[in-house]
Amino acid sequence: MNLKVRLAFMNFLEFAVWGAYLTSMGRYLGNIGMGADIGWFYSMQGVVSIFMPALMGIVADRWIPAQKLLGYCHLVAGVFMLLAAFYGYSAGADCQFPILFTLYSVSVAFYMPTLALSNSVAYNALTQVGMDTVKDFPPIRVFGTIGFICSMWVVDLMGFQPNQNQFVVSGVLGLLLFLYTFTLPACPIVSGGAKKSVVEALGLKAFALFKRKDMAIFFVFSMLLGVSLQITNGFANPYISSFAANPDYAETFGVQHANILISLSQVSETCCILLIPFFMKRYGIKNVMLIAMFAWVLRFGLFGFGNPGGGVWMFVLSMVVYGVAFDFFNISGSLYVDKSTNPSIRSSAQGLFMLMTNGIGATVGTLGAQAVINFYTRSVQVGDDFYTIGDWKTCWLIFAGYALLIGVVFAMVFRPKKEHVQVD
């Protein structure tokens, strides 16, 4: 089979595992009376992202080839996700937070490193046959987003959004990927002096960049904007689904198929990646980051004013805006770090960027959002289902106001050095 096709299928499964529950888990948790704890589940992704990818990267460098470690991680993650599903099925509405959270957390701890490991496997395989990773990898990576979307649709159309079966889909896909890794090209183990230390792998070496004012400001604001990253992943589905408690909206497409509606965000994300080189070259890192920040304002604000009936266009527009909000921040920020740092610490600097955004920022943001939502909403039972209802509009406007404040302050204080932001 063609190498690109094999790697595309690997990426398809890699992100399908995640898409099965990432946008719908909040709905399930709310349905079993854990709506007030959604933030803890999503924050765990950020917590383990601080150290697990780096530690697994060291293991792959020194002891276990990356493609094998990718499989072993999916094996553990898949088994524990299935155990979480089994416990959810057995306990029903009597699920205990400590048990479900522990099973889920172990699964996530072993899944998050696979995002980097799958990239390593692809880069290595392409390099071995003389292909250009910059040119040949992006079309392969697109199939990851396609897998994510397909998984969301399967969970939606099968009626798994409000129950534990979404974990079954994720676990089965993970075990399938475990088996598939035995067919992937072998990755060499690094020997000699090229091994990374824990300090290097965690990106701690790059903390020296805080001595530069422009980089210090950039990393601080990356963390502050990272607060927004997981809010809609965790709470968009419970919010849209909560309209089911209102007879005027209960039968609308958005309420019945929230995951399909939310999947427009991933479609937009795929398309917006193509716009980044033009915007970076034309407007520079500061303006591109500002576009991302104000896109987050729109993302949250449109959620606040929209509804699944006559206002569904606001939801759709919010999904379209997400591509700009997410890509222009994550990918443009990563490019800026690459262009602004010395090659000797470039990898560490990328690790620091991920730590500040997807680690610290996303964790704080998810827990902070949960506190706001707990204050303004409550869980109610309608028929056999539970919904989180209340003043959602105020919640979304608070999140929008936060993003607006960060954008305004960033515009005033960030002064990038122009010679560092050239994009070819």
Protein backbone atom coordinates (compact mmCIF):
# COMPACT_ATOMS: atom_id res chain seq x y z
CA MET A 1 0.00 0.00 0.00
CA ASN A 2 1.18 3.53 -0.75
CA LEU A 3 3.05 5.07 2.21
CA LYS A 4 1.02 8.26 2.17
CA VAL A 5 -2.21 6.27 2.26
CA ARG A 6 -0.95 4.22 5.21
CA LEU A 7 0.06 7.34 7.15
CA ALA A 8 -3.21 9.06 6.25
CA PHE A 9 -5.14 6.11 7.71
CA MET A 10 -2.98 6.29 10.86
CA ASN A 11 -3.88 9.97 11.24
CA PHE A 12 -7.54 9.24 10.52
CA LEU A 13 -7.68 6.75 13.40
CA GLU A 14 -5.50 8.91 15.68
CA PHE A 15 -7.96 11.78 15.69
CA ALA A 16 -11.10 9.66 15.33
CA VAL A 17 -10.25 8.27 18.79
CA TRP A 18 -10.38 11.81 20.18
CA GLY A 19 -13.36 13.02 18.19
CA ALA A 20 -15.56 10.26 19.58
CA TYR A 21 -15.86 12.01 22.95
CA LEU A 22 -14.12 15.40 22.95
CA THR A 23 -17.14 17.48 21.94
CA SER A 24 -19.89 15.25 23.35
CA MET A 25 -18.49 14.12 26.72
CA GLY A 26 -19.89 17.21 28.44
CA ARG A 27 -23.38 16.19 27.32
CA TYR A 28 -22.94 12.70 28.78
CA LEU A 29 -21.52 13.99 32.06
CA GLY A 30 -24.41 16.40 32.45
CA ASN A 31 -26.84 13.58 31.77
CA ILE A 32 -25.51 11.53 34.69
CA GLY A 33 -25.53 14.45 37.11
CA MET A 34 -21.88 15.49 36.74
CA GLY A 35 -22.54 18.75 34.90
CA ALA A 36 -20.76 20.66 37.65
CA ASP A 37 -17.63 18.55 37.12
CA ILE A 38 -17.24 18.79 33.33
CA GLY A 39 -14.31 21.17 33.73
CA TRP A 40 -12.32 18.64 35.73
CA PHE A 41 -12.54 16.07 32.94
CA TYR A 42 -11.43 18.51 30.26
CA SER A 43 -8.73 20.09 32.42
CA MET A 44 -7.10 16.67 32.81
CA GLN A 45 -6.10 16.86 29.14
CA GLY A 46 -4.15 20.01 29.91
CA VAL A 47 -2.60 18.62 33.09
CA VAL A 48 -1.21 15.49 31.44
CA SER A 49 -0.11 17.53 28.40
CA ILE A 50 2.36 19.34 30.64
CA PHE A 51 4.52 16.27 31.19
CA MET A 52 3.30 13.05 29.52
CA PRO A 53 4.19 13.88 25.87
CA ALA A 54 7.70 14.87 26.92
CA LEU A 55 8.22 11.74 29.02
CA MET A 56 6.92 9.45 26.29
CA GLY A 57 9.13 11.30 23.82
CA ILE A 58 12.17 10.43 25.91
CA VAL A 59 11.08 6.77 26.05
CA ALA A 60 10.69 6.75 22.25
CA ASP A 61 14.11 8.35 21.82
CA ARG A 62 15.95 5.93 24.08
CA TRP A 63 14.18 2.61 24.54
CA ILE A 64 11.02 1.86 22.52
CA PRO A 65 10.64 2.72 18.80
CA ALA A 66 8.04 5.44 18.29
CA GLN A 67 5.63 3.31 16.24
CA LYS A 68 5.58 0.60 18.94
CA LEU A 69 5.18 3.11 21.75
CA LEU A 70 2.34 4.73 19.78
CA GLY A 71 0.60 1.35 19.75
CA TYR A 72 1.24 0.57 23.43
CA CYS A 73 -0.12 3.98 24.47
CA HIS A 74 -3.28 3.40 22.44
CA LEU A 75 -3.64 -0.06 23.94
CA VAL A 76 -3.61 1.32 27.49
CA ALA A 77 -5.75 4.35 26.58
CA GLY A 78 -8.27 2.15 24.73
CA VAL A 79 -8.59 -0.40 27.51
CA PHE A 80 -9.17 2.26 30.18
CA MET A 81 -11.67 4.08 27.95
CA LEU A 82 -13.60 0.83 27.57
CA LEU A 83 -13.42 0.32 31.33
CA ALA A 84 -14.86 3.83 31.78
CA ALA A 85 -17.66 2.90 29.36
CA PHE A 86 -18.35 -0.37 31.20
CA TYR A 87 -18.48 1.41 34.54
CA GLY A 88 -20.79 4.07 33.08
CA TYR A 89 -23.09 1.38 31.70
CA SER A 90 -23.11 -0.60 34.97
CA ALA A 91 -23.63 2.36 37.29
CA GLY A 92 -25.98 4.38 35.07
CA ALA A 93 -27.09 7.57 36.75
CA ASP A 94 -25.41 6.42 39.98
CA CYS A 95 -21.88 6.90 38.56
CA GLN A 96 -19.41 8.04 41.17
CA PHE A 97 -17.09 10.87 40.13
CA PRO A 98 -13.85 9.42 41.61
CA ILE A 99 -14.18 6.10 39.75
CA LEU A 100 -15.22 7.46 36.36
CA PHE A 101 -12.72 10.33 36.56
CA THR A 102 -9.83 7.98 37.44
CA LEU A 103 -10.55 5.58 34.58
CA TYR A 104 -10.92 8.47 32.13
CA SER A 105 -7.78 10.22 33.40
CA VAL A 106 -5.57 7.16 32.90
CA SER A 107 -6.90 6.83 29.37
CA VAL A 108 -6.25 10.48 28.56
CA ALA A 109 -2.78 10.37 30.14
CA PHE A 110 -1.76 7.73 27.60
CA TYR A 111 -3.69 9.23 24.68
CA MET A 112 -2.26 12.76 24.73
CA PRO A 113 1.35 11.66 24.04
CA THR A 114 0.17 9.85 20.90
CA LEU A 115 -0.52 13.20 19.21
CA ALA A 116 3.22 13.88 19.12
CA LEU A 117 4.20 10.24 18.60
CA SER A 118 2.02 9.92 15.50
CA ASN A 119 3.75 12.98 14.05
CA SER A 120 7.14 11.44 14.79
CA VAL A 121 6.16 8.21 13.05
CA ALA A 122 4.97 10.09 9.98
CA TYR A 123 8.02 12.38 9.82
CA ASN A 124 10.38 9.42 10.15
CA ALA A 125 8.61 7.34 7.51
CA LEU A 126 8.54 10.19 5.00
CA THR A 127 12.18 11.06 5.63
CA GLN A 128 13.29 7.45 5.17
CA VAL A 129 11.96 7.40 1.60
CA GLY A 130 13.31 10.85 0.76
CA MET A 131 10.04 12.80 0.86
CA ASP A 132 9.74 16.44 1.96
CA THR A 133 7.89 16.56 5.28
CA VAL A 134 6.95 20.23 4.85
CA LYS A 135 5.31 19.49 1.50
CA ASP A 136 4.03 15.94 1.98
CA PHE A 137 2.86 15.86 5.61
CA PRO A 138 0.07 18.52 5.63
CA PRO A 139 -2.17 16.61 3.15
CA ILE A 140 -1.67 13.51 5.31
CA ARG A 141 -2.52 15.42 8.49
CA VAL A 142 -5.79 16.68 6.98
CA PHE A 143 -7.09 13.10 7.21
CA GLY A 144 -6.76 13.42 10.99
CA THR A 145 -9.34 16.19 11.00
CA ILE A 146 -11.53 14.14 8.64
CA GLY A 147 -11.31 11.23 11.11
CA PHE A 148 -12.25 13.57 13.97
CA ILE A 149 -15.31 14.79 12.08
CA CYS A 150 -16.40 11.30 11.00
CA SER A 151 -16.16 10.07 14.58
CA MET A 152 -18.28 13.01 15.79
CA TRP A 153 -20.91 12.20 13.19
CA VAL A 154 -21.00 8.50 14.07
CA VAL A 155 -21.52 9.29 17.76
CA ASP A 156 -24.23 11.81 16.85
CA LEU A 157 -26.14 9.67 14.35
CA MET A 158 -25.93 6.55 16.54
CA GLY A 159 -27.48 8.46 19.44
CA PHE A 160 -24.40 8.11 21.67
CA GLN A 161 -24.02 11.79 22.69
CA PRO A 162 -25.94 11.46 25.97
CA ASN A 163 -24.48 8.09 27.04
CA GLN A 164 -21.27 6.15 27.66
CA ASN A 165 -21.24 4.49 24.24
CA GLN A 166 -19.12 7.35 22.91
CA PHE A 167 -16.34 5.93 25.11
CA VAL A 168 -16.89 2.53 23.50
CA VAL A 169 -16.37 4.05 20.04
CA SER A 170 -13.18 5.75 21.21
CA GLY A 171 -11.84 2.63 22.92
CA VAL A 172 -12.52 0.34 19.96
CA LEU A 173 -10.87 2.78 17.55
CA GLY A 174 -7.87 2.99 19.89
CA LEU A 175 -7.46 -0.78 19.95
CA LEU A 176 -7.77 -0.86 16.16
CA LEU A 177 -4.97 1.69 15.90
CA PHE A 178 -2.88 -0.39 18.32
CA LEU A 179 -3.15 -3.33 15.92
CA TYR A 180 -2.49 -1.11 12.92
CA THR A 181 0.80 0.20 14.37
CA PHE A 182 2.34 -3.25 13.78
CA THR A 183 2.16 -2.50 10.04
CA LEU A 184 3.87 0.91 10.24
CA PRO A 185 7.50 1.55 9.22
CA ALA A 186 10.02 1.14 12.03
CA CYS A 187 11.41 4.23 13.74
CA PRO A 188 15.04 4.18 14.92
CA ILE A 189 16.02 4.70 18.54
CA VAL A 190 18.33 7.66 18.98
CA SER A 191 21.78 6.71 20.23
CA GLY A 192 24.77 8.65 21.43
CA GLY A 193 24.74 12.32 22.33
CA ALA A 194 21.50 13.20 20.55
CA LYS A 195 19.31 12.11 23.45
CA LYS A 196 17.16 14.79 25.05
CA SER A 197 17.21 15.38 28.77
CA VAL A 198 13.97 15.75 30.70
CA VAL A 199 14.67 19.49 31.01
CA GLU A 200 15.04 19.83 27.24
CA ALA A 201 12.01 17.66 26.44
CA LEU A 202 9.76 19.65 28.77
CA GLY A 203 10.88 22.86 27.08
CA LEU A 204 12.38 24.20 30.31
CA LYS A 205 15.61 25.15 28.56
CA ALA A 206 13.62 27.68 26.57
CA PHE A 207 12.67 29.61 29.72
CA ALA A 208 15.81 31.62 28.96
CA LEU A 209 13.67 33.31 26.29
CA PHE A 210 11.85 35.17 29.07
CA LYS A 211 14.94 37.39 29.25
CA ARG A 212 13.77 38.88 25.94
CA LYS A 213 10.91 41.29 26.55
CA ASP A 214 9.10 40.55 23.29
CA MET A 215 9.22 36.79 23.83
CA ALA A 216 8.25 37.06 27.50
CA ILE A 217 5.17 39.07 26.55
CA PHE A 218 4.36 36.64 23.74
CA PHE A 219 4.50 33.56 26.00
CA VAL A 220 2.47 35.22 28.76
CA PHE A 221 -0.28 36.19 26.32
CA SER A 222 -0.12 32.74 24.75
CA MET A 223 -0.99 31.35 28.16
CA LEU A 224 -3.75 33.95 28.69
CA LEU A 225 -5.31 33.24 25.29
CA GLY A 226 -4.83 29.50 25.83
CA VAL A 227 -7.50 29.89 28.51
CA SER A 228 -10.07 29.98 25.67
CA LEU A 229 -8.95 26.82 23.86
CA GLN A 230 -11.04 24.10 25.52
CA ILE A 231 -14.09 26.08 26.67
CA THR A 232 -16.30 25.32 23.68
CA ASN A 233 -15.05 21.73 23.42
CA GLY A 234 -16.27 21.14 26.94
CA PHE A 235 -19.43 23.23 27.10
CA ALA A 236 -20.80 23.88 23.59
CA ASN A 237 -22.61 20.53 23.41
CA PRO A 238 -24.24 20.77 26.88
CA TYR A 239 -25.25 24.35 26.05
CA ILE A 240 -26.83 23.59 22.66
CA SER A 241 -28.47 20.44 24.04
CA SER A 242 -29.94 22.40 26.96
CA PHE A 243 -32.39 24.02 24.53
CA ALA A 244 -34.20 20.66 24.56
CA ALA A 245 -35.73 21.79 27.85
CA ASN A 246 -37.58 24.49 25.88
CA PRO A 247 -40.46 23.04 23.80
CA ASP A 248 -39.90 25.73 21.15
CA TYR A 249 -36.44 24.33 20.35
CA ALA A 250 -36.62 20.68 21.44
CA GLU A 251 -37.08 19.28 17.92
CA THR A 252 -34.68 21.59 16.06
CA PHE A 253 -31.77 20.09 14.12
CA GLY A 254 -29.18 21.75 16.35
CA VAL A 255 -30.60 20.24 19.52
CA GLN A 256 -31.08 16.80 18.00
CA HIS A 257 -27.67 16.77 16.29
CA ALA A 258 -25.42 19.10 18.29
CA ASN A 259 -22.28 17.17 17.34
CA ILE A 260 -22.93 17.55 13.61
CA LEU A 261 -23.47 21.28 14.11
CA ILE A 262 -20.28 21.59 16.15
CA SER A 263 -18.33 19.61 13.53
CA LEU A 264 -18.53 22.68 11.27
CA SER A 265 -15.81 24.07 13.56
CA GLN A 266 -13.43 21.33 12.47
CA VAL A 267 -14.31 21.86 8.81
CA SER A 268 -13.51 25.55 9.22
CA GLU A 269 -10.28 24.68 11.01
CA THR A 270 -9.14 22.59 8.05
CA CYS A 271 -9.85 25.40 5.58
CA CYS A 272 -8.31 28.21 7.64
CA ILE A 273 -4.92 26.48 7.82
CA LEU A 274 -4.51 27.38 4.15
CA LEU A 275 -4.92 31.10 4.89
CA ILE A 276 -2.12 31.37 7.45
CA PRO A 277 0.93 31.81 5.15
CA PHE A 278 -0.81 34.68 3.33
CA PHE A 279 -1.90 36.44 6.51
CA MET A 280 1.45 35.98 8.24
CA LYS A 281 3.35 37.39 5.28
CA ARG A 282 0.89 40.22 4.67
CA TYR A 283 0.07 41.33 8.21
CA GLY A 284 2.72 39.93 10.57
CA ILE A 285 2.45 37.97 13.79
CA LYS A 286 0.94 40.72 15.94
CA ASN A 287 -2.00 41.39 13.63
CA VAL A 288 -2.60 37.70 13.00
CA MET A 289 -2.67 37.02 16.75
CA LEU A 290 -5.06 39.95 17.21
CA ILE A 291 -7.32 38.53 14.53
CA ALA A 292 -7.35 35.26 16.49
CA MET A 293 -8.13 37.02 19.77
CA PHE A 294 -11.05 38.98 18.34
CA ALA A 295 -12.25 35.84 16.57
CA TRP A 296 -12.56 34.27 20.02
CA VAL A 297 -14.69 37.27 21.05
CA LEU A 298 -17.01 36.53 18.12
CA ARG A 299 -16.94 32.78 18.81
CA PHE A 300 -18.21 33.25 22.35
CA GLY A 301 -20.48 36.24 21.63
CA LEU A 302 -22.33 34.46 18.84
CA PHE A 303 -22.93 31.51 21.16
CA GLY A 304 -24.41 33.89 23.70
CA PHE A 305 -26.89 35.51 21.32
CA GLY A 306 -27.70 32.48 19.13
CA ASN A 307 -30.28 29.73 19.46
CA PRO A 308 -31.08 26.53 17.53
CA GLY A 309 -34.20 28.08 15.96
CA GLY A 310 -34.23 31.42 14.15
CA GLY A 311 -30.82 32.25 15.60
CA VAL A 312 -29.09 29.09 14.38
CA TRP A 313 -27.19 31.20 11.83
CA MET A 314 -25.26 32.68 14.76
CA PHE A 315 -24.26 29.19 15.86
CA VAL A 316 -23.16 28.37 12.30
CA LEU A 317 -21.16 31.60 12.05
CA SER A 318 -19.56 30.85 15.41
CA MET A 319 -18.42 27.49 14.05
CA VAL A 320 -16.93 29.16 10.96
CA VAL A 321 -15.13 31.74 13.11
CA TYR A 322 -13.59 28.94 15.19
CA GLY A 323 -11.18 28.04 12.38
CA VAL A 324 -9.71 31.53 12.49
CA ALA A 325 -9.69 31.68 16.30
CA PHE A 326 -7.94 28.33 16.71
CA ASP A 327 -5.57 28.15 13.72
CA PHE A 328 -4.44 31.76 13.66
CA PHE A 329 -3.42 31.41 17.29
CA ASN A 330 -1.96 27.91 17.47
CA ILE A 331 -0.25 27.56 14.11
CA SER A 332 0.79 31.20 13.69
CA GLY A 333 2.12 31.23 17.23
CA SER A 334 4.13 28.08 16.56
CA LEU A 335 5.56 29.64 13.37
CA TYR A 336 6.51 32.80 15.28
CA VAL A 337 8.34 30.75 17.90
CA ASP A 338 10.17 28.88 15.15
CA LYS A 339 11.25 32.10 13.41
CA SER A 340 12.15 33.95 16.60
CA THR A 341 14.41 31.47 18.37
CA ASN A 342 17.90 30.14 17.94
CA PRO A 343 18.01 26.66 16.32
CA SER A 344 19.72 25.26 19.41
CA ILE A 345 16.61 25.82 21.56
CA ARG A 346 13.93 25.75 18.86
CA SER A 347 12.47 22.41 19.92
CA SER A 348 12.48 23.44 23.56
CA ALA A 349 10.78 26.70 22.64
CA GLN A 350 8.00 24.77 20.90
CA GLY A 351 7.64 22.64 24.02
CA LEU A 352 7.34 25.81 26.10
CA PHE A 353 4.69 27.22 23.74
CA MET A 354 2.65 24.03 24.11
CA LEU A 355 3.11 24.03 27.88
CA MET A 356 1.91 27.61 28.20
CA THR A 357 -1.10 27.22 25.87
CA ASN A 358 -2.45 23.66 25.92
CA GLY A 359 -1.02 22.90 29.34
CA ILE A 360 -1.34 25.77 31.82
CA GLY A 361 -3.66 28.05 29.83
CA ALA A 362 -6.22 25.43 28.80
CA THR A 363 -6.29 23.86 32.26
CA VAL A 364 -6.89 27.15 34.06
CA GLY A 365 -9.42 28.19 31.42
CA THR A 366 -11.50 25.03 31.64
CA LEU A 367 -11.71 25.12 35.42
CA GLY A 368 -12.42 28.86 35.39
CA ALA A 369 -15.18 28.39 32.82
CA GLN A 370 -16.69 25.63 34.94
CA ALA A 371 -16.82 27.95 37.95
CA VAL A 372 -18.61 30.61 35.92
CA ILE A 373 -21.09 28.11 34.46
CA ASN A 374 -21.77 26.53 37.86
CA PHE A 375 -22.62 29.98 39.20
CA TYR A 376 -25.09 30.90 36.46
CA THR A 377 -26.67 27.53 35.62
CA ARG A 378 -28.20 24.48 37.25
CA SER A 379 -29.04 20.92 36.31
CA VAL A 380 -32.70 19.97 35.75
CA GLN A 381 -34.35 16.71 34.73
CA VAL A 382 -36.60 16.63 31.67
CA GLY A 383 -38.05 13.17 31.14
CA ASP A 384 -35.19 10.69 31.48
CA ASP A 385 -32.47 13.22 30.67
CA PHE A 386 -30.69 15.92 32.63
CA TYR A 387 -29.92 19.33 31.12
CA THR A 388 -27.85 22.26 32.32
CA ILE A 389 -30.07 25.32 32.06
CA GLY A 390 -29.85 28.88 33.32
CA ASP A 391 -28.19 32.12 32.27
CA TRP A 392 -25.87 30.68 29.59
CA LYS A 393 -25.88 34.01 27.75
CA THR A 394 -24.09 35.75 30.60
CA CYS A 395 -21.51 32.94 30.72
CA TRP A 396 -20.68 33.29 27.02
CA LEU A 397 -20.51 37.08 27.28
CA ILE A 398 -18.10 36.80 30.22
CA PHE A 399 -15.86 34.57 28.09
CA ALA A 400 -16.15 37.02 25.18
CA GLY A 401 -15.31 39.94 27.46
CA TYR A 402 -12.25 38.12 28.71
CA ALA A 403 -10.99 37.48 25.16
CA LEU A 404 -11.67 41.13 24.26
CA LEU A 405 -9.71 42.38 27.27
CA ILE A 406 -6.75 40.13 26.41
CA GLY A 407 -6.83 41.35 22.80
CA VAL A 408 -6.87 45.03 23.73
CA VAL A 409 -4.01 44.72 26.23
CA PHE A 410 -2.01 42.57 23.78
CA ALA A 411 -2.40 45.26 21.10
CA MET A 412 -0.98 47.85 23.47
CA VAL A 413 1.98 45.99 24.95
CA PHE A 414 3.26 43.49 22.33
CA ARG A 415 6.00 44.88 20.10
CA PRO A 416 7.55 42.06 18.02
CA LYS A 417 10.92 42.53 16.41
CA LYS A 418 10.17 42.70 12.71
CA GLU A 419 13.27 40.84 11.64
CA HIS A 420 12.06 37.76 13.49
CA VAL A 421 8.70 37.33 11.79
CA GLN A 422 9.50 36.84 8.13
CA VAL A 423 7.61 33.95 6.58
CA ASP A 424 8.76 32.53 3.28
